[in-house]
Amino acid sequence: MQRRKKRERLDGLTYHLMLLPGMIMLFIFAIIPMFGAVMAFQRFIPAKGIFESPWVGWSNFTYMFQLPDSKQIFINTIVIAVGKIVLGLIVPIVFALLLHEVRQKLFKSTVQTIVYLPHFMSWVVLGTMLTMIFSYDGMVNNLLEFLGLERIMFLASNTWFRPLLILTDTWKEFGYGTIIYLAALTSINPSLYESAALDGANRWKQMLHITLPGIFPTIVLLGTLSLGNVLNAGFDQVFNLYNPLVYETGDIIDTFVYRMGLINMQYSFATAIGLMKSVISFVLIIISYRLAAKYAGYRIF
């Protein structure tokens, strides 16, 4: 008995040692930088540092709400993020249901692999590809001209830029969501389909009355957890695709913080915006966790 307990303690120590490098990296790059949030309440001067820069209280936050661009930036962030969340839920569900009906395993696995590959690609690479495809003399505009339509400046149009962001992000990520729903579909008892077929239910009715109810808890769980990403519109994607012509509809909180902090060197103002976003996101994550625990039985603790 003592030997067994000693073995368990040794295994536990081994697992904690495996986690140690990751915990050190987390502490250095995630915990320590949080102390820089005090710059939001200062007029930060790099030469004086955090400890000697003068305190200004809530002035940076007051200026943020007085700035005319602030309202538009928050609207852009919410519209783009909500669009990505909605399509990011609907498209994987529909595609998973369609792929679930395929009986040829080789074709099914091939399609699943192809749609999953873009998830691993960086937006630096995809941004370059999409810029070439949707440029004024790119592939899409060449096709439009061939069909007798006018060319469109997708990446310089405030009308087209938001839909382009939402659709391309959905294309990149829906393969990953599909795998989650396909895994949920495997938990449905096959005998339910056999019983439904004996009762005369066709494939459509089986999908409505067996498949969808079977994955409904997963849909609720992913939907509620995605609530915490309402203010995360995707910095990597927007940064690699936007330009000053589409700031009106494409500029989001993260890109605005980047420009204010690193380009315009308004460190305190940029920190205030980032801190406000983090606080709101934290509250939304708590709300989404509560909803997931209540309606989907999802708990971490």
Protein backbone atom coordinates (compact mmCIF):
# COMPACT_ATOMS: atom_id res chain seq x y z
CA MET A 1 0.00 0.00 0.00
CA GLN A 2 2.80 2.39 0.91
CA ARG A 3 4.67 1.44 -2.24
CA ARG A 4 1.56 2.24 -4.29
CA LYS A 5 1.15 5.67 -2.65
CA LYS A 6 4.83 6.39 -3.20
CA ARG A 7 4.43 5.46 -6.85
CA GLU A 8 1.40 7.77 -7.21
CA ARG A 9 3.30 10.65 -5.61
CA LEU A 10 6.21 10.05 -7.97
CA ASP A 11 3.87 10.04 -10.97
CA GLY A 12 2.27 13.26 -9.74
CA LEU A 13 5.69 14.88 -9.37
CA THR A 14 6.61 13.77 -12.88
CA TYR A 15 3.46 15.32 -14.34
CA HIS A 16 4.07 18.59 -12.48
CA LEU A 17 7.65 18.70 -13.77
CA MET A 18 6.27 18.27 -17.29
CA LEU A 19 3.99 21.27 -16.69
CA LEU A 20 6.76 23.40 -15.17
CA PRO A 21 8.23 24.82 -18.44
CA GLY A 22 4.79 25.83 -19.65
CA MET A 23 3.92 27.40 -16.30
CA ILE A 24 7.17 29.38 -16.32
CA MET A 25 6.41 30.66 -19.84
CA LEU A 26 2.87 31.55 -18.75
CA PHE A 27 4.16 33.44 -15.73
CA ILE A 28 6.75 35.39 -17.73
CA PHE A 29 4.63 36.29 -20.75
CA ALA A 30 1.10 36.43 -19.27
CA ILE A 31 1.24 37.15 -15.53
CA ILE A 32 4.15 39.59 -15.20
CA PRO A 33 2.96 41.86 -18.11
CA MET A 34 -0.35 42.34 -16.28
CA PHE A 35 1.40 44.75 -13.92
CA GLY A 36 1.73 47.09 -16.91
CA ALA A 37 -2.02 47.73 -16.65
CA VAL A 38 -1.22 50.54 -14.20
CA MET A 39 -0.18 52.61 -17.24
CA ALA A 40 -3.89 53.04 -17.96
CA PHE A 41 -4.06 55.35 -14.95
CA GLN A 42 -0.86 57.25 -15.73
CA ARG A 43 0.58 59.64 -18.27
CA PHE A 44 3.28 57.15 -19.03
CA ILE A 45 6.68 58.57 -19.91
CA PRO A 46 9.14 55.89 -21.10
CA ALA A 47 12.15 57.80 -19.71
CA LYS A 48 10.62 57.80 -16.20
CA GLY A 49 9.12 54.34 -16.27
CA ILE A 50 6.04 53.03 -14.49
CA PHE A 51 7.12 54.00 -10.98
CA GLU A 52 7.86 57.68 -11.70
CA SER A 53 5.28 58.51 -14.40
CA PRO A 54 2.57 60.91 -13.15
CA TRP A 55 -0.84 59.54 -12.20
CA VAL A 56 -3.88 60.90 -14.05
CA GLY A 57 -6.62 58.66 -12.64
CA TRP A 58 -9.50 58.02 -15.03
CA SER A 59 -8.45 60.67 -17.57
CA ASN A 60 -7.45 58.12 -20.23
CA PHE A 61 -10.81 56.39 -19.96
CA THR A 62 -12.66 59.71 -20.13
CA TYR A 63 -10.72 60.66 -23.24
CA MET A 64 -11.54 57.28 -24.77
CA PHE A 65 -15.29 57.89 -24.48
CA GLN A 66 -14.92 61.44 -25.80
CA LEU A 67 -13.00 60.33 -28.88
CA PRO A 68 -15.35 60.17 -31.92
CA ASP A 69 -13.65 57.04 -33.28
CA SER A 70 -14.20 55.01 -30.11
CA LYS A 71 -17.89 54.31 -30.73
CA GLN A 72 -17.27 53.19 -34.30
CA ILE A 73 -14.40 50.94 -33.23
CA PHE A 74 -16.58 49.16 -30.66
CA ILE A 75 -19.38 48.79 -33.23
CA ASN A 76 -16.97 47.36 -35.79
CA THR A 77 -15.61 44.89 -33.25
CA ILE A 78 -19.02 43.68 -32.13
CA VAL A 79 -20.47 43.39 -35.67
CA ILE A 80 -17.48 41.46 -37.01
CA ALA A 81 -17.18 39.23 -33.93
CA VAL A 82 -20.90 38.41 -33.77
CA GLY A 83 -20.96 37.67 -37.51
CA LYS A 84 -18.05 35.26 -37.07
CA ILE A 85 -19.70 33.60 -34.07
CA VAL A 86 -23.05 33.10 -35.83
CA LEU A 87 -21.59 31.71 -39.06
CA GLY A 88 -19.00 29.82 -37.05
CA LEU A 89 -21.85 27.92 -35.40
CA ILE A 90 -24.20 27.44 -38.36
CA VAL A 91 -21.77 26.40 -41.10
CA PRO A 92 -19.99 23.61 -39.13
CA ILE A 93 -23.34 22.19 -38.01
CA VAL A 94 -24.74 22.08 -41.55
CA PHE A 95 -21.53 20.68 -43.01
CA ALA A 96 -21.23 18.04 -40.25
CA LEU A 97 -24.81 16.91 -40.88
CA LEU A 98 -24.16 16.65 -44.62
CA LEU A 99 -20.87 14.83 -44.13
CA HIS A 100 -22.50 12.48 -41.63
CA GLU A 101 -24.87 11.29 -44.35
CA VAL A 102 -21.97 10.24 -46.61
CA ARG A 103 -21.47 6.48 -46.55
CA GLN A 104 -18.17 6.25 -48.48
CA LYS A 105 -15.52 6.42 -45.77
CA LEU A 106 -12.64 7.31 -48.09
CA PHE A 107 -14.48 10.27 -49.59
CA LYS A 108 -15.69 11.35 -46.15
CA SER A 109 -12.21 11.30 -44.59
CA THR A 110 -10.68 13.06 -47.63
CA VAL A 111 -13.19 15.92 -47.52
CA GLN A 112 -12.81 16.19 -43.75
CA THR A 113 -9.02 16.51 -44.08
CA ILE A 114 -9.25 19.12 -46.86
CA VAL A 115 -11.63 21.43 -44.98
CA TYR A 116 -9.58 21.04 -41.78
CA LEU A 117 -6.25 22.12 -43.33
CA PRO A 118 -6.90 25.92 -43.43
CA HIS A 119 -7.24 25.91 -39.64
CA PHE A 120 -3.48 25.32 -39.36
CA MET A 121 -2.52 28.09 -41.79
CA SER A 122 -1.32 31.46 -40.48
CA TRP A 123 -3.22 34.62 -41.37
CA VAL A 124 0.08 36.01 -42.62
CA VAL A 125 0.01 33.41 -45.40
CA LEU A 126 -3.74 33.48 -45.92
CA GLY A 127 -3.77 37.30 -45.88
CA THR A 128 -1.30 37.38 -48.75
CA MET A 129 -3.31 34.81 -50.69
CA LEU A 130 -6.62 36.60 -50.14
CA THR A 131 -5.10 39.95 -51.06
CA MET A 132 -4.02 38.49 -54.40
CA ILE A 133 -7.35 36.73 -54.99
CA PHE A 134 -9.59 39.70 -54.10
CA SER A 135 -7.39 42.51 -55.45
CA TYR A 136 -8.71 44.73 -58.23
CA ASP A 137 -6.89 42.67 -60.87
CA GLY A 138 -7.20 39.38 -58.97
CA MET A 139 -8.92 36.11 -59.73
CA VAL A 140 -12.37 37.07 -58.42
CA ASN A 141 -12.52 40.34 -60.34
CA ASN A 142 -11.31 38.62 -63.50
CA LEU A 143 -14.21 36.20 -63.14
CA LEU A 144 -16.66 39.07 -62.58
CA GLU A 145 -15.41 40.80 -65.71
CA PHE A 146 -15.71 37.55 -67.67
CA LEU A 147 -19.36 37.32 -66.55
CA GLY A 148 -19.96 40.89 -67.74
CA LEU A 149 -19.98 42.47 -64.28
CA GLU A 150 -17.99 45.40 -62.97
CA ARG A 151 -14.81 44.93 -60.96
CA ILE A 152 -15.07 45.52 -57.20
CA MET A 153 -12.40 46.85 -54.86
CA PHE A 154 -13.14 44.32 -52.11
CA LEU A 155 -10.24 45.32 -49.85
CA ALA A 156 -10.85 49.06 -50.24
CA SER A 157 -14.65 49.07 -49.95
CA ASN A 158 -16.39 49.74 -46.65
CA THR A 159 -19.37 47.83 -48.04
CA TRP A 160 -17.50 44.62 -48.80
CA PHE A 161 -14.73 44.52 -46.21
CA ARG A 162 -16.78 43.30 -43.22
CA PRO A 163 -18.50 40.46 -45.15
CA LEU A 164 -15.12 39.48 -46.56
CA LEU A 165 -13.64 39.23 -43.06
CA ILE A 166 -16.55 37.17 -41.74
CA LEU A 167 -16.74 34.80 -44.70
CA THR A 168 -13.00 34.16 -44.96
CA ASP A 169 -12.72 33.50 -41.21
CA THR A 170 -15.64 31.07 -41.43
CA TRP A 171 -13.96 29.31 -44.37
CA LYS A 172 -10.75 28.98 -42.37
CA GLU A 173 -12.27 27.65 -39.14
CA PHE A 174 -15.42 25.72 -40.04
CA GLY A 175 -13.44 22.50 -40.61
CA TYR A 176 -12.33 22.50 -36.99
CA GLY A 177 -15.89 23.00 -35.78
CA THR A 178 -17.07 20.22 -38.08
CA ILE A 179 -14.78 17.72 -36.36
CA ILE A 180 -16.30 18.61 -32.98
CA TYR A 181 -19.83 18.02 -34.24
CA LEU A 182 -18.83 14.80 -36.03
CA ALA A 183 -17.41 13.54 -32.75
CA ALA A 184 -20.73 14.41 -31.08
CA LEU A 185 -22.61 12.53 -33.81
CA THR A 186 -20.70 9.32 -33.05
CA SER A 187 -22.25 9.25 -29.58
CA ILE A 188 -25.77 8.82 -31.01
CA ASN A 189 -27.03 5.25 -30.68
CA PRO A 190 -27.29 3.68 -34.21
CA SER A 191 -30.29 1.63 -33.08
CA LEU A 192 -32.32 4.85 -32.99
CA TYR A 193 -31.87 5.23 -36.75
CA GLU A 194 -32.79 1.58 -37.32
CA SER A 195 -35.96 1.94 -35.28
CA ALA A 196 -36.87 5.16 -37.08
CA ALA A 197 -36.33 3.50 -40.48
CA LEU A 198 -38.61 0.61 -39.48
CA ASP A 199 -41.26 3.18 -38.55
CA GLY A 200 -41.02 4.71 -42.02
CA ALA A 201 -38.95 7.80 -41.23
CA ASN A 202 -36.86 9.02 -44.16
CA ARG A 203 -33.35 10.49 -43.91
CA TRP A 204 -34.69 14.03 -43.49
CA LYS A 205 -36.98 13.10 -40.58
CA GLN A 206 -34.19 11.09 -38.96
CA MET A 207 -31.98 14.14 -39.11
CA LEU A 208 -34.65 16.39 -37.59
CA HIS A 209 -35.79 14.05 -34.81
CA ILE A 210 -32.63 12.07 -33.98
CA THR A 211 -29.46 13.73 -35.24
CA LEU A 212 -30.15 17.35 -34.29
CA PRO A 213 -31.50 16.53 -30.79
CA GLY A 214 -28.48 14.27 -30.30
CA ILE A 215 -25.97 17.08 -30.86
CA PHE A 216 -28.09 19.85 -29.34
CA PRO A 217 -26.17 19.85 -26.00
CA THR A 218 -22.92 20.35 -27.95
CA ILE A 219 -24.49 23.20 -29.93
CA VAL A 220 -25.66 24.90 -26.74
CA LEU A 221 -22.27 24.43 -25.10
CA LEU A 222 -20.25 25.88 -27.98
CA GLY A 223 -22.77 28.67 -28.48
CA THR A 224 -22.68 29.82 -24.87
CA LEU A 225 -18.89 29.55 -24.60
CA SER A 226 -18.48 31.65 -27.75
CA LEU A 227 -20.18 34.55 -25.94
CA GLY A 228 -16.84 35.37 -24.33
CA ASN A 229 -15.39 36.16 -27.77
CA VAL A 230 -17.81 38.99 -28.58
CA LEU A 231 -14.97 41.54 -28.37
CA ASN A 232 -12.41 39.32 -30.11
CA ALA A 233 -12.85 40.08 -33.79
CA GLY A 234 -9.50 38.57 -34.82
CA PHE A 235 -6.45 40.84 -34.77
CA ASP A 236 -4.30 38.63 -37.04
CA GLN A 237 -6.87 38.54 -39.82
CA VAL A 238 -7.81 42.22 -39.73
CA PHE A 239 -4.21 43.40 -39.40
CA ASN A 240 -3.16 41.45 -42.48
CA LEU A 241 -6.10 42.56 -44.64
CA TYR A 242 -7.14 46.07 -43.66
CA ASN A 243 -5.83 49.44 -44.81
CA PRO A 244 -6.66 53.13 -44.07
CA LEU A 245 -9.45 53.11 -46.68
CA VAL A 246 -11.53 50.66 -44.61
CA TYR A 247 -10.82 51.97 -41.09
CA GLU A 248 -14.45 53.12 -40.96
CA THR A 249 -15.80 49.56 -40.99
CA GLY A 250 -12.75 47.36 -40.44
CA ASP A 251 -10.85 48.97 -37.58
CA ILE A 252 -11.37 46.96 -34.38
CA ILE A 253 -10.25 47.40 -30.78
CA ASP A 254 -7.09 45.32 -31.12
CA THR A 255 -5.84 47.06 -34.27
CA PHE A 256 -6.69 50.46 -32.79
CA VAL A 257 -4.71 49.62 -29.64
CA TYR A 258 -1.80 48.52 -31.81
CA ARG A 259 -1.75 51.79 -33.75
CA MET A 260 -2.21 54.01 -30.72
CA GLY A 261 0.34 52.19 -28.59
CA LEU A 262 3.12 51.07 -30.92
CA ILE A 263 2.84 53.51 -33.81
CA ASN A 264 1.54 56.72 -32.22
CA MET A 265 3.27 55.92 -28.89
CA GLN A 266 0.21 56.83 -26.78
CA TYR A 267 1.02 54.05 -24.34
CA SER A 268 -1.34 55.02 -21.53
CA PHE A 269 -4.32 55.58 -23.82
CA ALA A 270 -3.76 52.28 -25.62
CA THR A 271 -3.41 50.47 -22.28
CA ALA A 272 -6.70 51.98 -21.07
CA ILE A 273 -8.55 50.70 -24.14
CA GLY A 274 -6.98 47.26 -23.85
CA LEU A 275 -7.76 47.08 -20.12
CA MET A 276 -11.38 48.00 -20.68
CA LYS A 277 -11.71 45.33 -23.36
CA SER A 278 -10.12 42.73 -21.05
CA VAL A 279 -12.49 43.56 -18.19
CA ILE A 280 -15.57 43.33 -20.42
CA SER A 281 -14.31 40.08 -21.96
CA PHE A 282 -13.71 38.65 -18.48
CA VAL A 283 -17.29 39.44 -17.47
CA LEU A 284 -18.61 37.88 -20.68
CA ILE A 285 -16.56 34.73 -20.09
CA ILE A 286 -18.05 34.39 -16.60
CA ILE A 287 -21.56 34.85 -18.02
CA SER A 288 -20.94 32.31 -20.79
CA TYR A 289 -19.57 29.81 -18.28
CA ARG A 290 -22.65 30.24 -16.08
CA LEU A 291 -24.94 29.73 -19.06
CA ALA A 292 -22.98 26.67 -20.20
CA ALA A 293 -23.20 25.19 -16.70
CA LYS A 294 -26.95 25.85 -16.53
CA TYR A 295 -28.05 24.74 -19.99
CA ALA A 296 -25.36 22.26 -21.09
CA GLY A 297 -24.09 20.87 -17.80
CA TYR A 298 -20.55 22.08 -18.57
CA ARG A 299 -18.33 22.67 -15.54
CA ILE A 300 -14.61 23.15 -15.03
CA PHE A 301 -14.69 23.26 -11.23
